[in-house]
Amino acid sequence: RLRELKESFEQKKKHSEILQAELKIALLEKAELENKLQQQSILSAQELKAEKVKL
């Protein structure tokens, strides 16, 4: 019985570690997308400025 509990605990611990790793990956991907979006926003603003200068 004790061994079963220990095995169950180890499985849950591994599962928890996997979920934490997946969360870290998702947060990194989110940060990467936010950076890309910010860069696009900056580029758009620069292009808009350039267009105004042309006018």
PDB file of N, CA and C in Angstrom:
ATOM      1  N   ARG A   1       0.836  -1.213   0.000  1.00  0.00           N
ATOM      2  CA  ARG A   1       0.000   0.000   0.000  1.00  0.00           C
ATOM      3  C   ARG A   1       0.871   1.263   0.000  1.00  0.00           C
ATOM      4  N   LEU A   2       1.882   1.239   0.859  1.00  0.00           N
ATOM      5  CA  LEU A   2       2.787   2.383   0.933  1.00  0.00           C
ATOM      6  C   LEU A   2       3.520   2.578  -0.390  1.00  0.00           C
ATOM      7  N   ARG A   3       3.900   1.461  -1.004  1.00  0.00           N
ATOM      8  CA  ARG A   3       4.603   1.527  -2.287  1.00  0.00           C
ATOM      9  C   ARG A   3       3.698   2.128  -3.368  1.00  0.00           C
ATOM     10  N   GLU A   4       2.430   1.738  -3.333  1.00  0.00           N
ATOM     11  CA  GLU A   4       1.463   2.285  -4.298  1.00  0.00           C
ATOM     12  C   GLU A   4       1.334   3.799  -4.142  1.00  0.00           C
ATOM     13  N   LEU A   5       1.266   4.234  -2.895  1.00  0.00           N
ATOM     14  CA  LEU A   5       1.163   5.670  -2.630  1.00  0.00           C
ATOM     15  C   LEU A   5       2.406   6.402  -3.122  1.00  0.00           C
ATOM     16  N   LYS A   6       3.560   5.791  -2.874  1.00  0.00           N
ATOM     17  CA  LYS A   6       4.822   6.397  -3.297  1.00  0.00           C
ATOM     18  C   LYS A   6       4.882   6.500  -4.822  1.00  0.00           C
ATOM     19  N   GLU A   7       4.472   5.432  -5.515  1.00  0.00           N
ATOM     20  CA  GLU A   7       4.458   5.436  -6.982  1.00  0.00           C
ATOM     21  C   GLU A   7       3.487   6.489  -7.512  1.00  0.00           C
ATOM     22  N   SER A   8       2.326   6.565  -6.885  1.00  0.00           N
ATOM     23  CA  SER A   8       1.316   7.545  -7.291  1.00  0.00           C
ATOM     24  C   SER A   8       1.859   8.965  -7.103  1.00  0.00           C
ATOM     25  N   PHE A   9       2.525   9.168  -5.968  1.00  0.00           N
ATOM     26  CA  PHE A   9       3.110  10.481  -5.691  1.00  0.00           C
ATOM     27  C   PHE A   9       4.166  10.828  -6.736  1.00  0.00           C
ATOM     28  N   GLU A  10       5.025   9.871  -7.066  1.00  0.00           N
ATOM     29  CA  GLU A  10       6.084  10.099  -8.058  1.00  0.00           C
ATOM     30  C   GLU A  10       5.484  10.430  -9.430  1.00  0.00           C
ATOM     31  N   GLN A  11       4.414   9.712  -9.802  1.00  0.00           N
ATOM     32  CA  GLN A  11       3.746   9.980 -11.085  1.00  0.00           C
ATOM     33  C   GLN A  11       3.171  11.395 -11.107  1.00  0.00           C
ATOM     34  N   LYS A  12       2.527  11.765 -10.007  1.00  0.00           N
ATOM     35  CA  LYS A  12       1.930  13.103  -9.930  1.00  0.00           C
ATOM     36  C   LYS A  12       3.011  14.175  -9.947  1.00  0.00           C
ATOM     37  N   LYS A  13       4.124  13.876  -9.299  1.00  0.00           N
ATOM     38  CA  LYS A  13       5.243  14.823  -9.276  1.00  0.00           C
ATOM     39  C   LYS A  13       5.796  15.024 -10.689  1.00  0.00           C
ATOM     40  N   LYS A  14       5.967  13.916 -11.420  1.00  0.00           N
ATOM     41  CA  LYS A  14       6.461  14.005 -12.799  1.00  0.00           C
ATOM     42  C   LYS A  14       5.476  14.780 -13.667  1.00  0.00           C
ATOM     43  N   HIS A  15       4.196  14.484 -13.488  1.00  0.00           N
ATOM     44  CA  HIS A  15       3.158  15.166 -14.260  1.00  0.00           C
ATOM     45  C   HIS A  15       3.196  16.672 -13.977  1.00  0.00           C
ATOM     46  N   SER A  16       3.358  17.011 -12.707  1.00  0.00           N
ATOM     47  CA  SER A  16       3.439  18.416 -12.309  1.00  0.00           C
ATOM     48  C   SER A  16       4.645  19.093 -12.956  1.00  0.00           C
ATOM     49  N   GLU A  17       5.781  18.398 -12.986  1.00  0.00           N
ATOM     50  CA  GLU A  17       6.993  18.954 -13.604  1.00  0.00           C
ATOM     51  C   GLU A  17       6.791  19.170 -15.103  1.00  0.00           C
ATOM     52  N   ILE A  18       6.101  18.224 -15.737  1.00  0.00           N
ATOM     53  CA  ILE A  18       5.814  18.355 -17.176  1.00  0.00           C
ATOM     54  C   ILE A  18       4.920  19.568 -17.420  1.00  0.00           C
ATOM     55  N   LEU A  19       3.895  19.714 -16.602  1.00  0.00           N
ATOM     56  CA  LEU A  19       2.987  20.856 -16.751  1.00  0.00           C
ATOM     57  C   LEU A  19       3.722  22.178 -16.540  1.00  0.00           C
ATOM     58  N   GLN A  20       4.621  22.205 -15.555  1.00  0.00           N
ATOM     59  CA  GLN A  20       5.398  23.424 -15.303  1.00  0.00           C
ATOM     60  C   GLN A  20       6.285  23.757 -16.497  1.00  0.00           C
ATOM     61  N   ALA A  21       6.892  22.734 -17.084  1.00  0.00           N
ATOM     62  CA  ALA A  21       7.744  22.946 -18.263  1.00  0.00           C
ATOM     63  C   ALA A  21       6.911  23.462 -19.434  1.00  0.00           C
ATOM     64  N   GLU A  22       5.730  22.871 -19.621  1.00  0.00           N
ATOM     65  CA  GLU A  22       4.845  23.317 -20.705  1.00  0.00           C
ATOM     66  C   GLU A  22       4.405  24.763 -20.490  1.00  0.00           C
ATOM     67  N   LEU A  23       4.155  25.115 -19.239  1.00  0.00           N
ATOM     68  CA  LEU A  23       3.767  26.489 -18.920  1.00  0.00           C
ATOM     69  C   LEU A  23       4.906  27.454 -19.240  1.00  0.00           C
ATOM     70  N   LYS A  24       6.127  27.079 -18.871  1.00  0.00           N
ATOM     71  CA  LYS A  24       7.287  27.937 -19.178  1.00  0.00           C
ATOM     72  C   LYS A  24       7.428  28.138 -20.680  1.00  0.00           C
ATOM     73  N   ILE A  25       7.255  27.062 -21.434  1.00  0.00           N
ATOM     74  CA  ILE A  25       7.346  27.150 -22.899  1.00  0.00           C
ATOM     75  C   ILE A  25       6.272  28.089 -23.436  1.00  0.00           C
ATOM     76  N   ALA A  26       5.050  27.923 -22.941  1.00  0.00           N
ATOM     77  CA  ALA A  26       3.943  28.767 -23.401  1.00  0.00           C
ATOM     78  C   ALA A  26       4.204  30.238 -23.072  1.00  0.00           C
ATOM     79  N   LEU A  27       4.768  30.500 -21.890  1.00  0.00           N
ATOM     80  CA  LEU A  27       5.060  31.884 -21.508  1.00  0.00           C
ATOM     81  C   LEU A  27       6.166  32.478 -22.378  1.00  0.00           C
ATOM     82  N   LEU A  28       7.160  31.656 -22.715  1.00  0.00           N
ATOM     83  CA  LEU A  28       8.226  32.119 -23.612  1.00  0.00           C
ATOM     84  C   LEU A  28       7.671  32.428 -24.999  1.00  0.00           C
ATOM     85  N   GLU A  29       6.796  31.549 -25.489  1.00  0.00           N
ATOM     86  CA  GLU A  29       6.177  31.773 -26.801  1.00  0.00           C
ATOM     87  C   GLU A  29       5.331  33.041 -26.782  1.00  0.00           C
ATOM     88  N   LYS A  30       4.618  33.256 -25.681  1.00  0.00           N
ATOM     89  CA  LYS A  30       3.792  34.458 -25.545  1.00  0.00           C
ATOM     90  C   LYS A  30       4.673  35.708 -25.584  1.00  0.00           C
ATOM     91  N   ALA A  31       5.776  35.683 -24.836  1.00  0.00           N
ATOM     92  CA  ALA A  31       6.689  36.830 -24.816  1.00  0.00           C
ATOM     93  C   ALA A  31       7.263  37.089 -26.209  1.00  0.00           C
ATOM     94  N   GLU A  32       7.588  36.011 -26.910  1.00  0.00           N
ATOM     95  CA  GLU A  32       8.127  36.137 -28.268  1.00  0.00           C
ATOM     96  C   GLU A  32       7.102  36.793 -29.201  1.00  0.00           C
ATOM     97  N   LEU A  33       5.857  36.345 -29.104  1.00  0.00           N
ATOM     98  CA  LEU A  33       4.795  36.926 -29.939  1.00  0.00           C
ATOM     99  C   LEU A  33       4.541  38.387 -29.584  1.00  0.00           C
ATOM    100  N   GLU A  34       4.587  38.696 -28.283  1.00  0.00           N
ATOM    101  CA  GLU A  34       4.390  40.086 -27.865  1.00  0.00           C
ATOM    102  C   GLU A  34       5.508  40.976 -28.410  1.00  0.00           C
ATOM    103  N   ASN A  35       6.741  40.455 -28.409  1.00  0.00           N
ATOM    104  CA  ASN A  35       7.869  41.215 -28.960  1.00  0.00           C
ATOM    105  C   ASN A  35       7.680  41.460 -30.447  1.00  0.00           C
ATOM    106  N   LYS A  36       7.257  40.421 -31.167  1.00  0.00           N
ATOM    107  CA  LYS A  36       7.020  40.566 -32.610  1.00  0.00           C
ATOM    108  C   LYS A  36       5.934  41.603 -32.869  1.00  0.00           C
ATOM    109  N   LEU A  37       4.885  41.538 -32.072  1.00  0.00           N
ATOM    110  CA  LEU A  37       3.781  42.485 -32.219  1.00  0.00           C
ATOM    111  C   LEU A  37       4.255  43.913 -31.957  1.00  0.00           C
ATOM    112  N   GLN A  38       5.074  44.074 -30.929  1.00  0.00           N
ATOM    113  CA  GLN A  38       5.609  45.396 -30.603  1.00  0.00           C
ATOM    114  C   GLN A  38       6.495  45.908 -31.742  1.00  0.00           C
ATOM    115  N   GLN A  39       7.317  45.036 -32.303  1.00  0.00           N
ATOM    116  CA  GLN A  39       8.174  45.426 -33.428  1.00  0.00           C
ATOM    117  C   GLN A  39       7.333  45.849 -34.629  1.00  0.00           C
ATOM    118  N   GLN A  40       6.279  45.084 -34.899  1.00  0.00           N
ATOM    119  CA  GLN A  40       5.381  45.425 -36.014  1.00  0.00           C
ATOM    120  C   GLN A  40       4.728  46.778 -35.771  1.00  0.00           C
ATOM    121  N   SER A  41       4.344  47.005 -34.532  1.00  0.00           N
ATOM    122  CA  SER A  41       3.702  48.264 -34.164  1.00  0.00           C
ATOM    123  C   SER A  41       4.660  49.433 -34.375  1.00  0.00           C
ATOM    124  N   ILE A  42       5.921  49.244 -33.979  1.00  0.00           N
ATOM    125  CA  ILE A  42       6.941  50.282 -34.170  1.00  0.00           C
ATOM    126  C   ILE A  42       7.155  50.540 -35.657  1.00  0.00           C
ATOM    127  N   LEU A  43       7.258  49.462 -36.433  1.00  0.00           N
ATOM    128  CA  LEU A  43       7.444  49.607 -37.883  1.00  0.00           C
ATOM    129  C   LEU A  43       6.272  50.349 -38.512  1.00  0.00           C
ATOM    130  N   SER A  44       5.068  49.996 -38.102  1.00  0.00           N
ATOM    131  CA  SER A  44       3.875  50.662 -38.643  1.00  0.00           C
ATOM    132  C   SER A  44       3.897  52.149 -38.319  1.00  0.00           C
ATOM    133  N   ALA A  45       4.287  52.476 -37.091  1.00  0.00           N
ATOM    134  CA  ALA A  45       4.347  53.880 -36.684  1.00  0.00           C
ATOM    135  C   ALA A  45       5.395  54.624 -37.509  1.00  0.00           C
ATOM    136  N   GLN A  46       6.537  53.970 -37.747  1.00  0.00           N
ATOM    137  CA  GLN A  46       7.598  54.596 -38.556  1.00  0.00           C
ATOM    138  C   GLN A  46       7.128  54.803 -39.995  1.00  0.00           C
ATOM    139  N   GLU A  47       6.424  53.813 -40.531  1.00  0.00           N
ATOM    140  CA  GLU A  47       5.913  53.926 -41.901  1.00  0.00           C
ATOM    141  C   GLU A  47       4.891  55.056 -42.001  1.00  0.00           C
ATOM    142  N   LEU A  48       4.063  55.159 -40.992  1.00  0.00           N
ATOM    143  CA  LEU A  48       3.054  56.217 -40.965  1.00  0.00           C
ATOM    144  C   LEU A  48       3.724  57.590 -40.943  1.00  0.00           C
ATOM    145  N   LYS A  49       4.774  57.711 -40.120  1.00  0.00           N
ATOM    146  CA  LYS A  49       5.535  58.962 -40.054  1.00  0.00           C
ATOM    147  C   LYS A  49       6.145  59.288 -41.414  1.00  0.00           C
ATOM    148  N   ALA A  50       6.716  58.285 -42.046  1.00  0.00           N
ATOM    149  CA  ALA A  50       7.348  58.468 -43.358  1.00  0.00           C
ATOM    150  C   ALA A  50       6.317  58.935 -44.386  1.00  0.00           C
ATOM    151  N   GLU A  51       5.119  58.377 -44.319  1.00  0.00           N
ATOM    152  CA  GLU A  51       4.052  58.781 -45.245  1.00  0.00           C
ATOM    153  C   GLU A  51       3.667  60.242 -45.016  1.00  0.00           C
ATOM    154  N   LYS A  52       3.593  60.638 -43.748  1.00  0.00           N
ATOM    155  CA  LYS A  52       3.224  62.023 -43.423  1.00  0.00           C
ATOM    156  C   LYS A  52       4.281  62.989 -43.937  1.00  0.00           C
ATOM    157  N   VAL A  53       5.549  62.575 -43.840  1.00  0.00           N
ATOM    158  CA  VAL A  53       6.653  63.413 -44.323  1.00  0.00           C
ATOM    159  C   VAL A  53       6.533  63.597 -45.833  1.00  0.00           C
ATOM    160  N   LYS A  54       6.149  62.539 -46.536  1.00  0.00           N
ATOM    161  CA  LYS A  54       5.980  62.610 -47.997  1.00  0.00           C
ATOM    162  C   LYS A  54       4.893  63.613 -48.378  1.00  0.00           C
ATOM    163  N   LEU A  55       3.838  63.640 -47.565  1.00  0.00           N
ATOM    164  CA  LEU A  55       2.725  64.547 -47.850  1.00  0.00           C
ATOM    165  C   LEU A  55       3.176  65.967 -47.593  1.00  0.00           C
TER     166      LEU A  55
END
